[in-house]
């Protein structure tokens, strides 16, 4: 089960070309949705203007230091999710983030490279697919039932749903129904087709709701993290929280700017 390509075992009524077209459509939805979000919220314009003001008002930062800031942003803030002070939230976020990466890459490879049963799929791809979906579920459900601020600190019901929950719920739905579909298909259960279409439906909501969910934030966060580090390096004050690994240095810079 864990070494079989679930997409290659789909019923004959669901052609490989359907899944390939569907995946491409989801990619287009993400690109268009993110572009719309950037234009509507003027996020790119904000970060560009903020960095321009920061460079003009502060000390000059050389190319080598800029490269160092970019590398530290990629490693600490992006790859390690260093902005989370709460370790439980950080672990849950990392599980969901890397789980989604594994899940998405494995899906693309199996759908486009090994779409039919006559093509032998290397075991690593189905295993990575299962692992990614499982990581999403572990991190996502842990966050949803135990870590959310309104649940952990305010005692709200974990079943209280708001518009901001669209991203996490559709992501969890996509991964959960994917695991259910693959399992039911492996044991030959008739409900596997229902689970498959529920997976498709929740995935469509996930990728189609980019302008109204937090999906697009993953593209903005690196820019915000880099802007924070640049403001520390050139001695200006950022209106964003301090970099995770430089809170003391940031507070000293901010204090000196206020005194000035």
Protein backbone atom coordinates (compact mmCIF):
# COMPACT_ATOMS: atom_id res chain seq x y z
CA UNK A 1 0.00 0.00 0.00
CA UNK A 2 2.74 2.48 0.95
CA UNK A 3 4.78 1.67 -2.14
CA UNK A 4 1.97 1.82 -4.72
CA UNK A 5 1.18 4.91 -6.76
CA UNK A 6 -2.49 5.68 -5.90
CA UNK A 7 -2.94 7.79 -9.04
CA UNK A 8 -1.87 4.92 -11.30
CA UNK A 9 -4.56 2.71 -9.72
CA UNK A 10 -7.47 5.10 -10.33
CA UNK A 11 -10.52 3.67 -12.13
CA UNK A 12 -10.41 3.73 -15.92
CA UNK A 13 -13.15 6.37 -15.89
CA UNK A 14 -10.63 8.86 -14.43
CA UNK A 15 -8.03 9.30 -17.16
CA UNK A 16 -4.44 10.35 -16.36
CA UNK A 17 -4.98 13.41 -18.55
CA UNK A 18 -7.73 14.53 -16.18
CA UNK A 19 -5.40 14.52 -13.19
CA UNK A 20 -2.62 16.22 -15.14
CA UNK A 21 -4.99 18.95 -16.31
CA UNK A 22 -6.35 19.31 -12.81
CA UNK A 23 -2.89 19.75 -11.26
CA UNK A 24 -1.97 22.38 -13.86
CA UNK A 25 -5.26 24.18 -13.18
CA UNK A 26 -4.47 24.26 -9.45
CA UNK A 27 -1.03 25.73 -10.16
CA UNK A 28 -2.65 28.43 -12.30
CA UNK A 29 -5.15 29.18 -9.52
CA UNK A 30 -2.30 29.67 -7.05
CA UNK A 31 -0.40 31.99 -9.41
CA UNK A 32 -3.48 34.04 -10.31
CA UNK A 33 -4.76 34.10 -6.74
CA UNK A 34 -1.40 35.22 -5.35
CA UNK A 35 -1.09 37.93 -8.02
CA UNK A 36 -4.57 39.17 -7.19
CA UNK A 37 -3.77 39.16 -3.47
CA UNK A 38 -0.56 41.12 -4.06
CA UNK A 39 -2.35 43.72 -6.19
CA UNK A 40 -5.41 43.97 -3.97
CA UNK A 41 -3.52 44.28 -0.67
CA UNK A 42 -0.58 46.10 -2.30
CA UNK A 43 1.81 43.86 -0.39
CA UNK A 44 4.67 44.03 -2.90
CA UNK A 45 4.33 47.81 -3.11
CA UNK A 46 4.44 48.06 0.69
CA UNK A 47 7.59 45.96 1.11
CA UNK A 48 9.34 47.67 -1.79
CA UNK A 49 8.58 51.14 -0.40
CA UNK A 50 9.51 50.10 3.13
CA UNK A 51 12.87 48.69 2.03
CA UNK A 52 13.54 51.80 -0.06
CA UNK A 53 12.90 54.06 2.95
CA UNK A 54 15.01 51.81 5.14
CA UNK A 55 17.97 51.97 2.75
CA UNK A 56 17.69 55.74 2.38
CA UNK A 57 17.42 56.46 6.11
CA UNK A 58 19.94 53.98 7.47
CA UNK A 59 23.54 52.99 7.05
CA UNK A 60 24.63 51.50 3.75
CA UNK A 61 24.58 47.72 3.68
CA UNK A 62 27.10 46.12 1.31
CA UNK A 63 26.46 43.32 -1.13
CA UNK A 64 28.19 40.68 0.99
CA UNK A 65 26.11 41.58 4.04
CA UNK A 66 22.92 41.64 1.95
CA UNK A 67 23.73 38.12 0.74
CA UNK A 68 24.37 37.05 4.34
CA UNK A 69 21.00 38.52 5.39
CA UNK A 70 19.27 36.68 2.57
CA UNK A 71 20.89 33.37 3.54
CA UNK A 72 20.01 33.82 7.21
CA UNK A 73 16.43 34.70 6.23
CA UNK A 74 16.17 31.55 4.12
CA UNK A 75 17.63 29.28 6.82
CA UNK A 76 16.28 30.75 10.07
CA UNK A 77 13.01 32.42 9.12
CA UNK A 78 11.86 30.26 6.21
CA UNK A 79 13.39 26.78 6.51
CA UNK A 80 13.31 26.67 10.34
CA UNK A 81 10.24 28.92 10.92
CA UNK A 82 12.25 30.92 13.43
CA UNK A 83 9.54 33.56 13.84
CA UNK A 84 7.58 31.24 16.14
CA UNK A 85 8.54 31.73 19.78
CA UNK A 86 6.13 29.02 20.91
CA UNK A 87 7.94 25.74 20.26
CA UNK A 88 4.74 23.72 19.94
CA UNK A 89 3.42 26.06 17.23
CA UNK A 90 6.79 25.97 15.53
CA UNK A 91 6.89 22.17 15.41
CA UNK A 92 3.28 21.98 14.21
CA UNK A 93 4.02 24.56 11.53
CA UNK A 94 7.15 22.72 10.36
CA UNK A 95 5.24 19.44 10.17
CA UNK A 96 2.55 21.07 8.06
CA UNK A 97 4.98 23.02 5.88
CA UNK A 98 7.36 20.20 5.02
CA UNK A 99 4.47 17.74 4.85
CA UNK A 100 2.82 19.93 2.22
CA UNK A 101 6.08 20.19 0.26
CA UNK A 102 6.55 16.40 0.26
CA UNK A 103 2.89 15.81 -0.56
CA UNK A 104 2.80 18.32 -3.43
CA UNK A 105 6.10 17.23 -5.03
CA UNK A 106 5.25 13.53 -4.81
CA UNK A 107 1.81 14.18 -6.29
CA UNK A 108 3.28 16.08 -9.24
CA UNK A 109 5.88 13.38 -9.94
CA UNK A 110 3.41 10.50 -9.77
CA UNK A 111 0.74 12.29 -11.83
CA UNK A 112 3.06 13.47 -14.61
CA UNK A 113 5.91 10.95 -14.63
CA UNK A 114 4.16 7.70 -13.63
CA UNK A 115 0.46 8.23 -14.43
CA UNK A 116 -0.43 4.63 -15.37
CA UNK A 117 0.03 1.19 -13.86
CA UNK A 118 2.29 -0.01 -16.68
CA UNK A 119 4.93 2.51 -15.58
CA UNK A 120 6.79 1.31 -12.49
CA UNK A 121 6.73 4.03 -9.85
CA UNK A 122 9.84 4.09 -7.59
CA UNK A 123 8.72 3.33 -4.04
CA UNK A 124 10.18 6.58 -2.72
CA UNK A 125 7.43 8.68 -4.31
CA UNK A 126 4.38 6.91 -2.83
CA UNK A 127 6.18 6.75 0.52
CA UNK A 128 6.94 10.46 0.38
CA UNK A 129 3.31 11.10 -0.55
CA UNK A 130 2.01 9.13 2.43
CA UNK A 131 4.57 10.71 4.75
CA UNK A 132 3.72 14.23 3.60
CA UNK A 133 -0.02 13.76 4.02
CA UNK A 134 0.50 12.20 7.45
CA UNK A 135 2.75 15.10 8.54
CA UNK A 136 0.08 17.59 7.45
CA UNK A 137 -2.53 15.75 9.49
CA UNK A 138 -0.35 15.44 12.62
CA UNK A 139 0.74 19.07 12.57
CA UNK A 140 -2.64 20.41 11.46
CA UNK A 141 -4.85 18.53 13.90
CA UNK A 142 -2.42 19.16 16.75
CA UNK A 143 -2.63 22.88 16.00
CA UNK A 144 -6.40 22.86 15.50
CA UNK A 145 -7.37 21.02 18.68
CA UNK A 146 -4.62 22.01 21.13
CA UNK A 147 -2.43 24.94 20.05
CA UNK A 148 -4.73 27.60 18.59
CA UNK A 149 -4.74 30.71 20.79
CA UNK A 150 -8.52 30.84 21.20
CA UNK A 151 -8.57 27.15 22.18
CA UNK A 152 -5.44 26.91 24.35
CA UNK A 153 -5.64 30.32 26.06
CA UNK A 154 -9.27 31.38 25.85
CA UNK A 155 -10.97 28.03 26.22
CA UNK A 156 -13.00 28.34 23.02
CA UNK A 157 -14.43 25.25 21.38
CA UNK A 158 -12.07 23.63 18.84
CA UNK A 159 -15.10 23.31 16.56
CA UNK A 160 -15.58 27.08 16.36
CA UNK A 161 -14.90 28.00 12.75
CA UNK A 162 -14.06 31.43 11.32
CA UNK A 163 -13.28 32.72 7.83
CA UNK A 164 -9.57 32.78 8.68
CA UNK A 165 -9.69 28.98 9.19
CA UNK A 166 -10.34 28.35 5.49
CA UNK A 167 -6.71 27.56 4.71
CA UNK A 168 -6.00 25.10 7.52
CA UNK A 169 -9.34 23.31 7.17
CA UNK A 170 -9.08 22.88 3.39
CA UNK A 171 -5.46 21.71 3.77
CA UNK A 172 -6.46 19.18 6.42
CA UNK A 173 -9.39 18.06 4.28
CA UNK A 174 -7.14 17.53 1.26
CA UNK A 175 -4.59 15.46 3.20
CA UNK A 176 -7.16 13.51 5.24
CA UNK A 177 -9.31 12.53 2.27
CA UNK A 178 -6.16 11.68 0.30
CA UNK A 179 -5.07 9.19 2.96
CA UNK A 180 -8.59 7.79 3.22
CA UNK A 181 -8.87 7.42 -0.55
CA UNK A 182 -5.49 5.69 -0.91
CA UNK A 183 -6.26 3.28 1.93
CA UNK A 184 -9.78 2.42 0.69
CA UNK A 185 -8.48 1.97 -2.85
CA UNK A 186 -5.71 -0.36 -1.63
CA UNK A 187 -8.20 -2.64 0.14
CA UNK A 188 -10.63 -2.51 -2.78
CA UNK A 189 -13.45 -0.66 -1.02
CA UNK A 190 -16.16 0.93 -3.17
CA UNK A 191 -16.08 4.14 -1.12
CA UNK A 192 -12.61 4.94 -2.42
CA UNK A 193 -14.14 6.87 -5.32
CA UNK A 194 -16.14 9.03 -2.89
CA UNK A 195 -13.00 9.71 -0.83
CA UNK A 196 -11.12 10.60 -4.02
CA UNK A 197 -13.66 13.20 -5.10
CA UNK A 198 -13.75 14.64 -1.57
CA UNK A 199 -9.97 14.97 -1.84
CA UNK A 200 -10.33 16.75 -5.18
CA UNK A 201 -13.04 19.04 -3.80
CA UNK A 202 -11.06 20.05 -0.70
CA UNK A 203 -7.92 20.56 -2.81
CA UNK A 204 -9.88 22.80 -5.15
CA UNK A 205 -11.05 24.89 -2.19
CA UNK A 206 -7.46 25.05 -0.89
CA UNK A 207 -5.93 26.31 -4.14
CA UNK A 208 -8.93 28.23 -5.37
CA UNK A 209 -9.35 30.31 -2.21
CA UNK A 210 -5.85 31.83 -2.24
CA UNK A 211 -7.08 35.47 -2.32
CA UNK A 212 -9.25 34.88 0.77
CA UNK A 213 -7.09 32.54 2.82
CA UNK A 214 -3.60 32.55 4.34
CA UNK A 215 -2.11 30.55 1.47
CA UNK A 216 -0.49 33.60 -0.12
CA UNK A 217 1.23 34.47 3.17
CA UNK A 218 3.91 31.89 2.47
CA UNK A 219 5.11 34.11 -0.37
CA UNK A 220 5.06 37.32 1.72
CA UNK A 221 6.75 35.99 4.85
CA UNK A 222 10.27 35.75 3.35
CA UNK A 223 10.02 39.40 2.18
CA UNK A 224 8.86 40.54 5.62
CA UNK A 225 11.61 38.55 7.36
CA UNK A 226 14.29 39.98 5.07
CA UNK A 227 13.00 43.53 5.66
CA UNK A 228 13.27 43.00 9.43
CA UNK A 229 16.87 41.88 9.17
CA UNK A 230 17.76 44.74 6.82
CA UNK A 231 16.32 47.29 9.26
CA UNK A 232 18.51 45.87 12.03
CA UNK A 233 21.60 45.84 9.83
CA UNK A 234 21.29 49.45 8.64
CA UNK A 235 20.22 50.88 12.01
CA UNK A 236 16.66 51.90 11.15
CA UNK A 237 13.58 50.93 13.06
CA UNK A 238 11.19 48.41 11.53
CA UNK A 239 7.50 48.40 12.40
CA UNK A 240 7.63 44.60 12.30
CA UNK A 241 8.54 42.20 15.16
CA UNK A 242 12.20 41.47 15.75
CA UNK A 243 14.05 38.67 13.93
CA UNK A 244 13.80 35.48 15.95
CA UNK A 245 17.53 35.14 16.48
CA UNK A 246 18.29 38.85 17.10
CA UNK A 247 15.70 40.21 19.59
CA UNK A 248 18.28 41.87 21.87
CA UNK A 249 20.11 43.56 19.02
CA UNK A 250 16.82 44.74 17.54
CA UNK A 251 15.63 46.23 20.84
CA UNK A 252 18.89 48.19 21.23
CA UNK A 253 18.57 49.58 17.71
CA UNK A 254 14.94 50.54 18.24
CA UNK A 255 15.78 52.20 21.59
CA UNK A 256 18.57 54.28 20.09
CA UNK A 257 16.34 55.41 17.21
CA UNK A 258 13.61 56.47 19.63
CA UNK A 259 16.11 58.43 21.72
CA UNK A 260 17.50 60.07 18.62
